[in-house]
Amino acid sequence: MTQGIIENLINELTRLPGIGRKTAQRLAFFILTMPDHEAKAIAQSITEVKDRARFCRECFNISDSEVCEICRDEGRDRKKICVVEEPSNILVIERSKFYRGLYHVLLGAISPIDGVTPDKLKINELIQRVRSNNVEEVIIATNPNTKGEITAQYIREHLDSHPVKVSRIAYGLPMGSDIEFADEVTLSKALEGRRQM
C-alpha cells in the first residue's frame, strides 16, 4: 500500500518540466521525511496558486487580482512597455532593479512549425495598449533565438505606423567570458549591440 502512494507521488513529480525519474524519487522521499506542516504548506501553496492565479487584464502577467501589482503601481514609468514572452521573464528583469516601466507578456513566441501564429499571442493587445496609452517606447525583450527574433521583427513591423520608439535589448558576450569561445551569432550580436564609451 505504501509503495503505491509513493510511486503515485513519483509519477506525478515526473510530470514537472526538467524532473526525471531519479530526481522525482529523491523529491518524493524528501517530502516523506519533511515535517507535516512544511509538506502541507507546499501542497496548500500549489492549491492556492491554481485556485487564485489569473492573467492581468492589462499586461497578462500572473496576478491574484484583475490587475497585477506592477500595473497598479503609480510610481512606474507608464510611457515605457517592456515586451516579454513569459511571466517568468518579468521576475528576472525585476530582480535587476534597473527597469521601472510597465510590461506586456506575449504568452509565447511566434513559431509556425509549432502552430503558434501571431494571432495566438497577445500582440494585438500590445498594439492596442500602445495606441491608447501614449506609450513612447516599446522595449522588446524576447529570447535571443529564432522564435524570439521572428517575434521581435513582427512586433517592430506592426508598430512602424505608430509614433513610438521600438528598441531591442542588447545581448551578446556575458561578463567573464573569452571571445575565443564565443560562437558567431553571439559575437555578431555583441558587436551589433555595442554602445559608445
N, C-alpha and C. Protein backbone atom coordinates (compact mmCIF):
# COMPACT_ATOMS: atom_id res chain seq x y z
N MET A 1 0.84 -1.21 0.00
CA MET A 1 0.00 0.00 0.00
C MET A 1 0.87 1.26 0.00
N THR A 2 1.89 1.30 0.92
CA THR A 2 2.76 2.47 0.99
C THR A 2 3.52 2.68 -0.32
N GLN A 3 3.98 1.56 -0.92
CA GLN A 3 4.70 1.66 -2.19
C GLN A 3 3.83 2.31 -3.26
N GLY A 4 2.55 2.00 -3.26
CA GLY A 4 1.64 2.55 -4.26
C GLY A 4 1.51 4.06 -4.16
N ILE A 5 1.39 4.61 -2.93
CA ILE A 5 1.23 6.06 -2.79
C ILE A 5 2.54 6.78 -3.08
N ILE A 6 3.67 6.19 -2.75
CA ILE A 6 4.97 6.80 -3.08
C ILE A 6 5.18 6.76 -4.58
N GLU A 7 4.87 5.63 -5.20
CA GLU A 7 5.00 5.50 -6.66
C GLU A 7 4.11 6.53 -7.37
N ASN A 8 2.91 6.74 -6.84
CA ASN A 8 2.00 7.73 -7.40
C ASN A 8 2.60 9.14 -7.32
N LEU A 9 3.21 9.48 -6.17
CA LEU A 9 3.84 10.78 -6.00
C LEU A 9 5.01 10.93 -6.97
N ILE A 10 5.82 9.90 -7.11
CA ILE A 10 6.96 9.93 -8.05
C ILE A 10 6.45 10.17 -9.48
N ASN A 11 5.42 9.45 -9.87
CA ASN A 11 4.85 9.62 -11.21
C ASN A 11 4.34 11.04 -11.44
N GLU A 12 3.69 11.61 -10.43
CA GLU A 12 3.17 12.98 -10.55
C GLU A 12 4.31 13.98 -10.65
N LEU A 13 5.38 13.79 -9.87
CA LEU A 13 6.52 14.72 -9.90
C LEU A 13 7.25 14.68 -11.25
N THR A 14 7.26 13.52 -11.91
CA THR A 14 7.93 13.43 -13.22
C THR A 14 7.20 14.24 -14.29
N ARG A 15 5.99 14.66 -14.02
CA ARG A 15 5.24 15.49 -14.98
C ARG A 15 5.74 16.93 -14.99
N LEU A 16 6.52 17.31 -13.98
CA LEU A 16 7.07 18.67 -13.93
C LEU A 16 8.23 18.78 -14.91
N PRO A 17 8.41 19.94 -15.55
CA PRO A 17 9.50 20.09 -16.53
C PRO A 17 10.87 19.96 -15.86
N GLY A 18 11.75 19.21 -16.50
CA GLY A 18 13.11 19.06 -16.00
C GLY A 18 13.26 18.07 -14.87
N ILE A 19 12.18 17.39 -14.50
CA ILE A 19 12.24 16.41 -13.41
C ILE A 19 12.16 15.01 -14.00
N GLY A 20 13.29 14.31 -13.95
CA GLY A 20 13.33 12.93 -14.40
C GLY A 20 12.94 11.99 -13.27
N ARG A 21 12.96 10.71 -13.56
CA ARG A 21 12.53 9.70 -12.58
C ARG A 21 13.39 9.72 -11.31
N LYS A 22 14.71 9.82 -11.45
CA LYS A 22 15.59 9.80 -10.27
C LYS A 22 15.37 11.03 -9.39
N THR A 23 15.26 12.19 -10.02
CA THR A 23 15.01 13.41 -9.24
C THR A 23 13.65 13.34 -8.56
N ALA A 24 12.66 12.84 -9.27
CA ALA A 24 11.31 12.70 -8.70
C ALA A 24 11.34 11.76 -7.49
N GLN A 25 12.12 10.71 -7.59
CA GLN A 25 12.24 9.75 -6.49
C GLN A 25 12.88 10.43 -5.27
N ARG A 26 13.97 11.19 -5.51
CA ARG A 26 14.62 11.90 -4.40
C ARG A 26 13.66 12.89 -3.76
N LEU A 27 12.92 13.64 -4.59
CA LEU A 27 11.96 14.61 -4.06
C LEU A 27 10.86 13.93 -3.26
N ALA A 28 10.36 12.81 -3.77
CA ALA A 28 9.29 12.08 -3.07
C ALA A 28 9.74 11.64 -1.69
N PHE A 29 10.93 11.10 -1.59
CA PHE A 29 11.43 10.64 -0.29
C PHE A 29 11.79 11.81 0.62
N PHE A 30 12.21 12.93 0.01
CA PHE A 30 12.46 14.13 0.82
C PHE A 30 11.15 14.64 1.41
N ILE A 31 10.10 14.69 0.59
CA ILE A 31 8.78 15.13 1.05
C ILE A 31 8.28 14.23 2.17
N LEU A 32 8.53 12.95 2.01
CA LEU A 32 8.12 11.97 3.02
C LEU A 32 8.77 12.23 4.38
N THR A 33 10.01 12.73 4.37
CA THR A 33 10.73 12.96 5.63
C THR A 33 10.54 14.38 6.17
N MET A 34 9.88 15.25 5.41
CA MET A 34 9.64 16.63 5.87
C MET A 34 8.66 16.64 7.03
N PRO A 35 8.77 17.66 7.90
CA PRO A 35 7.73 17.82 8.92
C PRO A 35 6.37 18.04 8.24
N ASP A 36 5.32 17.54 8.85
CA ASP A 36 3.98 17.62 8.27
C ASP A 36 3.60 19.03 7.84
N HIS A 37 3.87 20.03 8.70
CA HIS A 37 3.44 21.39 8.40
C HIS A 37 4.14 21.94 7.15
N GLU A 38 5.40 21.55 6.91
CA GLU A 38 6.12 22.02 5.73
C GLU A 38 5.56 21.39 4.45
N ALA A 39 5.34 20.09 4.49
CA ALA A 39 4.79 19.39 3.32
C ALA A 39 3.39 19.90 3.00
N LYS A 40 2.59 20.13 4.03
CA LYS A 40 1.22 20.63 3.82
C LYS A 40 1.23 22.07 3.31
N ALA A 41 2.25 22.86 3.72
CA ALA A 41 2.37 24.24 3.23
C ALA A 41 2.65 24.25 1.73
N ILE A 42 3.49 23.31 1.27
CA ILE A 42 3.77 23.20 -0.17
C ILE A 42 2.49 22.83 -0.92
N ALA A 43 1.78 21.83 -0.41
CA ALA A 43 0.53 21.39 -1.05
C ALA A 43 -0.50 22.53 -1.08
N GLN A 44 -0.58 23.28 0.01
CA GLN A 44 -1.54 24.39 0.07
C GLN A 44 -1.15 25.50 -0.91
N SER A 45 0.15 25.77 -1.04
CA SER A 45 0.61 26.80 -1.99
C SER A 45 0.25 26.42 -3.42
N ILE A 46 0.40 25.13 -3.76
CA ILE A 46 0.05 24.67 -5.10
C ILE A 46 -1.46 24.84 -5.34
N THR A 47 -2.25 24.44 -4.37
CA THR A 47 -3.71 24.56 -4.48
C THR A 47 -4.11 26.03 -4.61
N GLU A 48 -3.50 26.88 -3.80
CA GLU A 48 -3.82 28.31 -3.81
C GLU A 48 -3.48 28.96 -5.15
N VAL A 49 -2.29 28.64 -5.69
CA VAL A 49 -1.90 29.24 -6.95
C VAL A 49 -2.82 28.77 -8.09
N LYS A 50 -3.25 27.51 -8.05
CA LYS A 50 -4.16 27.01 -9.07
C LYS A 50 -5.56 27.63 -8.94
N ASP A 51 -5.98 27.90 -7.69
CA ASP A 51 -7.31 28.47 -7.46
C ASP A 51 -7.37 29.97 -7.74
N ARG A 52 -6.30 30.70 -7.41
CA ARG A 52 -6.37 32.16 -7.42
C ARG A 52 -5.61 32.85 -8.54
N ALA A 53 -4.61 32.19 -9.12
CA ALA A 53 -3.80 32.86 -10.14
C ALA A 53 -4.59 33.07 -11.43
N ARG A 54 -4.39 34.22 -12.03
CA ARG A 54 -5.03 34.56 -13.30
C ARG A 54 -4.10 35.51 -14.05
N PHE A 55 -4.45 35.84 -15.28
CA PHE A 55 -3.65 36.78 -16.05
C PHE A 55 -4.20 38.19 -15.84
N CYS A 56 -3.28 39.12 -15.63
CA CYS A 56 -3.63 40.54 -15.51
C CYS A 56 -4.31 40.98 -16.80
N ARG A 57 -5.40 41.71 -16.70
CA ARG A 57 -6.13 42.13 -17.90
C ARG A 57 -5.40 43.20 -18.70
N GLU A 58 -4.40 43.84 -18.09
CA GLU A 58 -3.62 44.87 -18.78
C GLU A 58 -2.40 44.28 -19.50
N CYS A 59 -1.56 43.55 -18.74
CA CYS A 59 -0.26 43.13 -19.28
C CYS A 59 -0.12 41.62 -19.45
N PHE A 60 -1.03 40.83 -18.90
CA PHE A 60 -1.03 39.37 -18.98
C PHE A 60 0.05 38.72 -18.11
N ASN A 61 0.53 39.46 -17.12
CA ASN A 61 1.38 38.88 -16.09
C ASN A 61 0.48 38.04 -15.18
N ILE A 62 1.07 37.15 -14.41
CA ILE A 62 0.27 36.37 -13.47
C ILE A 62 -0.04 37.23 -12.26
N SER A 63 -1.29 37.17 -11.82
CA SER A 63 -1.75 38.01 -10.72
C SER A 63 -2.80 37.27 -9.92
N ASP A 64 -3.05 37.75 -8.70
CA ASP A 64 -4.16 37.17 -7.93
C ASP A 64 -5.36 38.12 -7.94
N SER A 65 -5.24 39.20 -8.72
CA SER A 65 -6.37 40.12 -8.89
C SER A 65 -6.49 40.49 -10.37
N GLU A 66 -7.50 41.25 -10.69
CA GLU A 66 -7.77 41.57 -12.10
C GLU A 66 -6.62 42.32 -12.76
N VAL A 67 -5.98 43.21 -11.98
CA VAL A 67 -4.83 43.98 -12.47
C VAL A 67 -3.66 43.70 -11.54
N CYS A 68 -2.50 43.39 -12.10
CA CYS A 68 -1.34 43.00 -11.29
C CYS A 68 -0.75 44.19 -10.53
N GLU A 69 0.13 43.88 -9.58
CA GLU A 69 0.77 44.91 -8.75
C GLU A 69 1.56 45.91 -9.59
N ILE A 70 2.26 45.42 -10.60
CA ILE A 70 3.09 46.31 -11.41
C ILE A 70 2.22 47.31 -12.16
N CYS A 71 1.14 46.84 -12.77
CA CYS A 71 0.25 47.75 -13.50
C CYS A 71 -0.45 48.74 -12.56
N ARG A 72 -0.68 48.36 -11.31
CA ARG A 72 -1.33 49.25 -10.33
C ARG A 72 -0.35 50.27 -9.74
N ASP A 73 0.95 50.01 -9.84
CA ASP A 73 1.97 50.86 -9.22
C ASP A 73 2.07 52.20 -9.94
N GLU A 74 1.62 53.26 -9.28
CA GLU A 74 1.63 54.60 -9.88
C GLU A 74 3.05 55.15 -10.04
N GLY A 75 4.02 54.56 -9.37
CA GLY A 75 5.41 55.01 -9.47
C GLY A 75 6.12 54.51 -10.73
N ARG A 76 5.45 53.68 -11.50
CA ARG A 76 6.05 53.14 -12.73
C ARG A 76 5.98 54.14 -13.87
N ASP A 77 6.97 54.07 -14.75
CA ASP A 77 7.00 54.91 -15.96
C ASP A 77 6.03 54.30 -16.96
N ARG A 78 4.88 54.96 -17.12
CA ARG A 78 3.82 54.42 -17.96
C ARG A 78 4.05 54.68 -19.44
N LYS A 79 5.10 55.36 -19.77
CA LYS A 79 5.41 55.66 -21.18
C LYS A 79 6.31 54.58 -21.80
N LYS A 80 6.75 53.60 -20.98
CA LYS A 80 7.61 52.52 -21.47
C LYS A 80 6.94 51.18 -21.21
N ILE A 81 6.99 50.29 -22.21
CA ILE A 81 6.49 48.93 -22.06
C ILE A 81 7.59 47.98 -22.51
N CYS A 82 7.94 47.07 -21.63
CA CYS A 82 8.92 46.02 -21.94
C CYS A 82 8.14 44.76 -22.32
N VAL A 83 8.37 44.26 -23.52
CA VAL A 83 7.64 43.10 -24.04
C VAL A 83 8.45 41.83 -23.78
N VAL A 84 7.84 40.87 -23.09
CA VAL A 84 8.50 39.60 -22.79
C VAL A 84 7.63 38.44 -23.27
N GLU A 85 8.24 37.26 -23.36
CA GLU A 85 7.50 36.09 -23.83
C GLU A 85 6.64 35.48 -22.73
N GLU A 86 7.19 35.36 -21.53
CA GLU A 86 6.51 34.65 -20.45
C GLU A 86 6.53 35.46 -19.15
N PRO A 87 5.56 35.24 -18.25
CA PRO A 87 5.56 35.94 -16.96
C PRO A 87 6.86 35.73 -16.16
N SER A 88 7.49 34.58 -16.31
CA SER A 88 8.73 34.32 -15.57
C SER A 88 9.85 35.28 -15.97
N ASN A 89 9.79 35.80 -17.21
CA ASN A 89 10.80 36.77 -17.65
C ASN A 89 10.73 38.06 -16.84
N ILE A 90 9.54 38.43 -16.39
CA ILE A 90 9.38 39.64 -15.59
C ILE A 90 10.15 39.53 -14.28
N LEU A 91 10.08 38.36 -13.65
CA LEU A 91 10.79 38.15 -12.38
C LEU A 91 12.28 38.43 -12.53
N VAL A 92 12.86 37.95 -13.62
CA VAL A 92 14.29 38.13 -13.87
C VAL A 92 14.62 39.61 -14.05
N ILE A 93 13.83 40.31 -14.86
CA ILE A 93 14.08 41.74 -15.11
C ILE A 93 13.87 42.55 -13.83
N GLU A 94 12.86 42.22 -13.07
CA GLU A 94 12.59 42.93 -11.82
C GLU A 94 13.72 42.77 -10.81
N ARG A 95 14.36 41.59 -10.80
CA ARG A 95 15.48 41.37 -9.88
C ARG A 95 16.65 42.31 -10.16
N SER A 96 16.77 42.76 -11.41
CA SER A 96 17.87 43.67 -11.75
C SER A 96 17.67 45.05 -11.11
N LYS A 97 16.43 45.38 -10.76
CA LYS A 97 16.05 46.67 -10.17
C LYS A 97 16.45 47.86 -11.06
N PHE A 98 16.63 47.63 -12.35
CA PHE A 98 17.03 48.68 -13.27
C PHE A 98 15.83 49.26 -14.01
N TYR A 99 14.91 48.41 -14.41
CA TYR A 99 13.77 48.84 -15.22
C TYR A 99 12.58 49.21 -14.33
N ARG A 100 11.97 50.38 -14.59
CA ARG A 100 10.84 50.85 -13.78
C ARG A 100 9.60 51.16 -14.62
N GLY A 101 9.54 50.61 -15.83
CA GLY A 101 8.37 50.83 -16.67
C GLY A 101 7.34 49.72 -16.49
N LEU A 102 6.44 49.60 -17.44
CA LEU A 102 5.42 48.55 -17.43
C LEU A 102 5.87 47.38 -18.30
N TYR A 103 5.10 46.32 -18.31
CA TYR A 103 5.41 45.11 -19.08
C TYR A 103 4.23 44.72 -19.95
N HIS A 104 4.53 43.86 -20.91
CA HIS A 104 3.48 43.21 -21.69
C HIS A 104 3.95 41.79 -21.98
N VAL A 105 3.18 40.81 -21.55
CA VAL A 105 3.54 39.40 -21.73
C VAL A 105 2.82 38.84 -22.95
N LEU A 106 3.59 38.30 -23.88
CA LEU A 106 3.01 37.75 -25.12
C LEU A 106 2.40 36.37 -24.91
N LEU A 107 2.82 35.66 -23.88
CA LEU A 107 2.42 34.28 -23.60
C LEU A 107 2.91 33.33 -24.70
N GLY A 108 4.16 33.54 -25.11
CA GLY A 108 4.79 32.68 -26.10
C GLY A 108 5.57 33.47 -27.13
N ALA A 109 5.99 32.78 -28.18
CA ALA A 109 6.72 33.40 -29.28
C ALA A 109 6.23 32.78 -30.58
N ILE A 110 6.33 33.53 -31.66
CA ILE A 110 5.87 33.04 -32.96
C ILE A 110 6.70 31.82 -33.37
N SER A 111 6.00 30.75 -33.71
CA SER A 111 6.65 29.51 -34.14
C SER A 111 5.68 28.73 -35.02
N PRO A 112 5.66 29.05 -36.33
CA PRO A 112 4.70 28.39 -37.23
C PRO A 112 4.82 26.87 -37.21
N ILE A 113 6.04 26.36 -37.04
CA ILE A 113 6.22 24.89 -37.03
C ILE A 113 5.50 24.24 -35.85
N ASP A 114 5.34 25.01 -34.75
CA ASP A 114 4.62 24.52 -33.57
C ASP A 114 3.17 24.96 -33.55
N GLY A 115 2.75 25.63 -34.63
CA GLY A 115 1.36 26.09 -34.71
C GLY A 115 1.09 27.37 -33.93
N VAL A 116 2.17 28.07 -33.52
CA VAL A 116 1.99 29.32 -32.77
C VAL A 116 2.11 30.49 -33.75
N THR A 117 0.98 31.00 -34.16
CA THR A 117 0.92 32.12 -35.09
C THR A 117 0.68 33.41 -34.30
N PRO A 118 0.94 34.58 -34.90
CA PRO A 118 0.79 35.84 -34.17
C PRO A 118 -0.57 36.03 -33.50
N ASP A 119 -1.63 35.53 -34.13
CA ASP A 119 -2.97 35.69 -33.55
C ASP A 119 -3.17 34.90 -32.26
N LYS A 120 -2.27 33.95 -31.97
CA LYS A 120 -2.38 33.16 -30.75
C LYS A 120 -1.63 33.80 -29.59
N LEU A 121 -0.92 34.89 -29.88
CA LEU A 121 -0.17 35.62 -28.86
C LEU A 121 -0.89 36.92 -28.54
N LYS A 122 -0.40 37.64 -27.55
CA LYS A 122 -1.03 38.90 -27.12
C LYS A 122 -0.42 40.11 -27.83
N ILE A 123 -0.20 39.97 -29.14
CA ILE A 123 0.41 41.05 -29.92
C ILE A 123 -0.62 42.14 -30.24
N ASN A 124 -1.82 41.77 -30.61
CA ASN A 124 -2.86 42.76 -30.90
C ASN A 124 -3.17 43.61 -29.67
N GLU A 125 -3.14 42.95 -28.49
CA GLU A 125 -3.39 43.67 -27.24
C GLU A 125 -2.26 44.68 -26.97
N LEU A 126 -1.03 44.30 -27.32
CA LEU A 126 0.11 45.22 -27.17
C LEU A 126 -0.09 46.45 -28.06
N ILE A 127 -0.43 46.22 -29.32
CA ILE A 127 -0.63 47.33 -30.25
C ILE A 127 -1.75 48.25 -29.76
N GLN A 128 -2.81 47.68 -29.22
CA GLN A 128 -3.91 48.47 -28.67
C GLN A 128 -3.44 49.30 -27.49
N ARG A 129 -2.61 48.73 -26.61
CA ARG A 129 -2.08 49.48 -25.46
C ARG A 129 -1.23 50.65 -25.93
N VAL A 130 -0.39 50.41 -26.92
CA VAL A 130 0.48 51.46 -27.45
C VAL A 130 -0.38 52.59 -28.03
N ARG A 131 -1.39 52.21 -28.77
CA ARG A 131 -2.27 53.17 -29.45
C ARG A 131 -3.05 54.03 -28.45
N SER A 132 -3.55 53.43 -27.39
CA SER A 132 -4.45 54.16 -26.50
C SER A 132 -3.81 54.73 -25.23
N ASN A 133 -2.53 54.46 -24.99
CA ASN A 133 -1.92 54.92 -23.74
C ASN A 133 -0.74 55.87 -23.90
N ASN A 134 -0.58 56.46 -25.07
CA ASN A 134 0.52 57.40 -25.32
C ASN A 134 1.89 56.83 -24.92
N VAL A 135 2.14 55.60 -25.27
CA VAL A 135 3.41 54.95 -24.97
C VAL A 135 4.48 55.55 -25.87
N GLU A 136 5.65 55.86 -25.29
CA GLU A 136 6.75 56.46 -26.06
C GLU A 136 7.79 55.44 -26.51
N GLU A 137 7.95 54.36 -25.72
CA GLU A 137 8.96 53.36 -26.09
C GLU A 137 8.47 51.95 -25.78
N VAL A 138 8.69 51.06 -26.74
CA VAL A 138 8.43 49.64 -26.55
C VAL A 138 9.80 48.96 -26.60
N ILE A 139 10.15 48.29 -25.51
CA ILE A 139 11.43 47.58 -25.42
C ILE A 139 11.14 46.10 -25.62
N ILE A 140 11.65 45.54 -26.69
CA ILE A 140 11.38 44.13 -26.97
C ILE A 140 12.46 43.27 -26.31
N ALA A 141 12.02 42.42 -25.38
CA ALA A 141 12.94 41.57 -24.63
C ALA A 141 12.57 40.09 -24.83
N THR A 142 12.33 39.74 -26.09
CA THR A 142 12.08 38.32 -26.39
C THR A 142 13.42 37.59 -26.38
N ASN A 143 13.36 36.28 -26.31
CA ASN A 143 14.59 35.48 -26.20
C ASN A 143 15.46 35.60 -27.45
N PRO A 144 16.79 35.53 -27.27
CA PRO A 144 17.71 35.64 -28.41
C PRO A 144 17.85 34.32 -29.17
N ASN A 145 16.73 33.85 -29.69
CA ASN A 145 16.73 32.64 -30.52
C ASN A 145 15.86 32.91 -31.75
N THR A 146 15.72 31.94 -32.62
CA THR A 146 14.98 32.14 -33.87
C THR A 146 13.55 32.60 -33.60
N LYS A 147 12.84 31.95 -32.68
CA LYS A 147 11.46 32.32 -32.39
C LYS A 147 11.37 33.74 -31.83
N GLY A 148 12.29 34.05 -30.92
CA GLY A 148 12.31 35.39 -30.32
C GLY A 148 12.60 36.47 -31.33
N GLU A 149 13.53 36.18 -32.26
CA GLU A 149 13.88 37.16 -33.30
C GLU A 149 12.72 37.39 -34.27
N ILE A 150 12.05 36.30 -34.66
CA ILE A 150 10.89 36.42 -35.57
C ILE A 150 9.80 37.25 -34.89
N THR A 151 9.57 36.97 -33.62
CA THR A 151 8.54 37.69 -32.86
C THR A 151 8.89 39.17 -32.74
N ALA A 152 10.15 39.47 -32.42
CA ALA A 152 10.59 40.87 -32.29
C ALA A 152 10.42 41.62 -33.61
N GLN A 153 10.80 40.98 -34.70
CA GLN A 153 10.68 41.59 -36.03
C GLN A 153 9.21 41.86 -36.37
N TYR A 154 8.36 40.89 -36.08
CA TYR A 154 6.93 41.03 -36.36
C TYR A 154 6.34 42.22 -35.59
N ILE A 155 6.69 42.32 -34.31
CA ILE A 155 6.18 43.43 -33.48
C ILE A 155 6.68 44.77 -34.02
N ARG A 156 7.98 44.83 -34.33
CA ARG A 156 8.55 46.08 -34.85
C ARG A 156 7.83 46.53 -36.11
N GLU A 157 7.59 45.59 -37.03
CA GLU A 157 6.91 45.93 -38.28
C GLU A 157 5.49 46.43 -38.03
N HIS A 158 4.81 45.85 -37.07
CA HIS A 158 3.42 46.24 -36.80
C HIS A 158 3.31 47.50 -35.96
N LEU A 159 4.43 47.97 -35.42
CA LEU A 159 4.42 49.23 -34.70
C LEU A 159 4.98 50.38 -35.53
N ASP A 160 5.42 50.07 -36.76
CA ASP A 160 6.02 51.08 -37.64
C ASP A 160 5.10 52.27 -37.88
N SER A 161 3.81 52.02 -37.96
CA SER A 161 2.87 53.11 -38.27
C SER A 161 2.49 53.92 -37.03
N HIS A 162 3.03 53.56 -35.87
CA HIS A 162 2.71 54.28 -34.62
C HIS A 162 3.90 55.16 -34.22
N PRO A 163 3.63 56.32 -33.67
CA PRO A 163 4.72 57.20 -33.25
C PRO A 163 5.35 56.74 -31.93
N VAL A 164 6.03 55.60 -31.98
CA VAL A 164 6.64 55.03 -30.78
C VAL A 164 8.04 54.53 -31.13
N LYS A 165 8.96 54.72 -30.21
CA LYS A 165 10.32 54.20 -30.39
C LYS A 165 10.29 52.71 -30.05
N VAL A 166 10.84 51.89 -30.93
CA VAL A 166 10.91 50.44 -30.69
C VAL A 166 12.38 50.07 -30.53
N SER A 167 12.74 49.52 -29.38
CA SER A 167 14.12 49.11 -29.15
C SER A 167 14.17 47.64 -28.79
N ARG A 168 15.35 47.07 -28.91
CA ARG A 168 15.57 45.65 -28.60
C ARG A 168 16.66 45.59 -27.54
N ILE A 169 16.49 44.74 -26.54
CA ILE A 169 17.55 44.64 -25.54
C ILE A 169 18.82 44.15 -26.21
N ALA A 170 19.95 44.63 -25.74
CA ALA A 170 21.23 44.18 -26.27
C ALA A 170 21.59 42.86 -25.61
N TYR A 171 22.24 42.00 -26.35
CA TYR A 171 22.73 40.76 -25.77
C TYR A 171 23.96 40.34 -26.55
N GLY A 172 24.71 39.48 -25.98
CA GLY A 172 25.95 39.04 -26.62
C GLY A 172 26.84 38.35 -25.62
N LEU A 173 28.06 38.83 -25.49
CA LEU A 173 29.04 38.17 -24.64
C LEU A 173 28.74 38.41 -23.16
N PRO A 174 28.67 37.35 -22.37
CA PRO A 174 28.48 37.55 -20.93
C PRO A 174 29.78 38.00 -20.28
N MET A 175 29.68 38.71 -19.16
CA MET A 175 30.86 39.15 -18.43
C MET A 175 31.67 37.93 -17.99
N GLY A 176 32.97 38.05 -18.09
CA GLY A 176 33.86 36.97 -17.64
C GLY A 176 34.13 35.91 -18.68
N SER A 177 33.55 36.04 -19.88
CA SER A 177 33.79 35.02 -20.90
C SER A 177 34.92 35.47 -21.83
N ASP A 178 35.47 34.53 -22.57
CA ASP A 178 36.53 34.82 -23.52
C ASP A 178 35.96 34.85 -24.93
N ILE A 179 36.41 35.83 -25.72
CA ILE A 179 35.93 35.98 -27.09
C ILE A 179 36.19 34.73 -27.92
N GLU A 180 37.33 34.07 -27.66
CA GLU A 180 37.69 32.91 -28.48
C GLU A 180 36.68 31.76 -28.35
N PHE A 181 35.90 31.75 -27.26
CA PHE A 181 34.93 30.67 -27.07
C PHE A 181 33.51 31.05 -27.52
N ALA A 182 33.34 32.28 -28.00
CA ALA A 182 32.01 32.74 -28.43
C ALA A 182 31.71 32.24 -29.84
N ASP A 183 30.46 31.89 -30.07
CA ASP A 183 30.05 31.50 -31.42
C ASP A 183 29.78 32.75 -32.25
N GLU A 184 29.61 32.56 -33.55
CA GLU A 184 29.47 33.68 -34.48
C GLU A 184 28.25 34.54 -34.21
N VAL A 185 27.12 33.89 -33.90
CA VAL A 185 25.88 34.64 -33.66
C VAL A 185 26.03 35.51 -32.42
N THR A 186 26.56 34.93 -31.34
CA THR A 186 26.74 35.68 -30.10
C THR A 186 27.66 36.87 -30.33
N LEU A 187 28.75 36.63 -31.05
CA LEU A 187 29.72 37.70 -31.31
C LEU A 187 29.13 38.79 -32.19
N SER A 188 28.37 38.41 -33.21
CA SER A 188 27.76 39.42 -34.08
C SER A 188 26.74 40.25 -33.32
N LYS A 189 25.99 39.61 -32.43
CA LYS A 189 25.00 40.34 -31.63
C LYS A 189 25.69 41.27 -30.63
N ALA A 190 26.83 40.83 -30.09
CA ALA A 190 27.59 41.67 -29.16
C ALA A 190 28.10 42.91 -29.89
N LEU A 191 28.56 42.75 -31.11
CA LEU A 191 29.04 43.89 -31.90
C LEU A 191 27.89 44.80 -32.29
N GLU A 192 26.79 44.21 -32.66
CA GLU A 192 25.60 44.97 -33.06
C GLU A 192 25.05 45.79 -31.90
N GLY A 193 25.11 45.25 -30.69
CA GLY A 193 24.56 45.91 -29.51
C GLY A 193 25.57 46.82 -28.82
N ARG A 194 26.67 47.12 -29.48
CA ARG A 194 27.71 47.95 -28.86
C ARG A 194 27.17 49.35 -28.57
N ARG A 195 27.79 50.01 -27.58
CA ARG A 195 27.41 51.39 -27.26
C ARG A 195 28.66 52.22 -27.04
N GLN A 196 28.50 53.52 -27.15
CA GLN A 196 29.64 54.42 -27.03
C GLN A 196 30.15 54.44 -25.60
N MET A 197 31.49 54.53 -25.46
CA MET A 197 32.11 54.58 -24.12
C MET A 197 32.53 55.99 -23.78
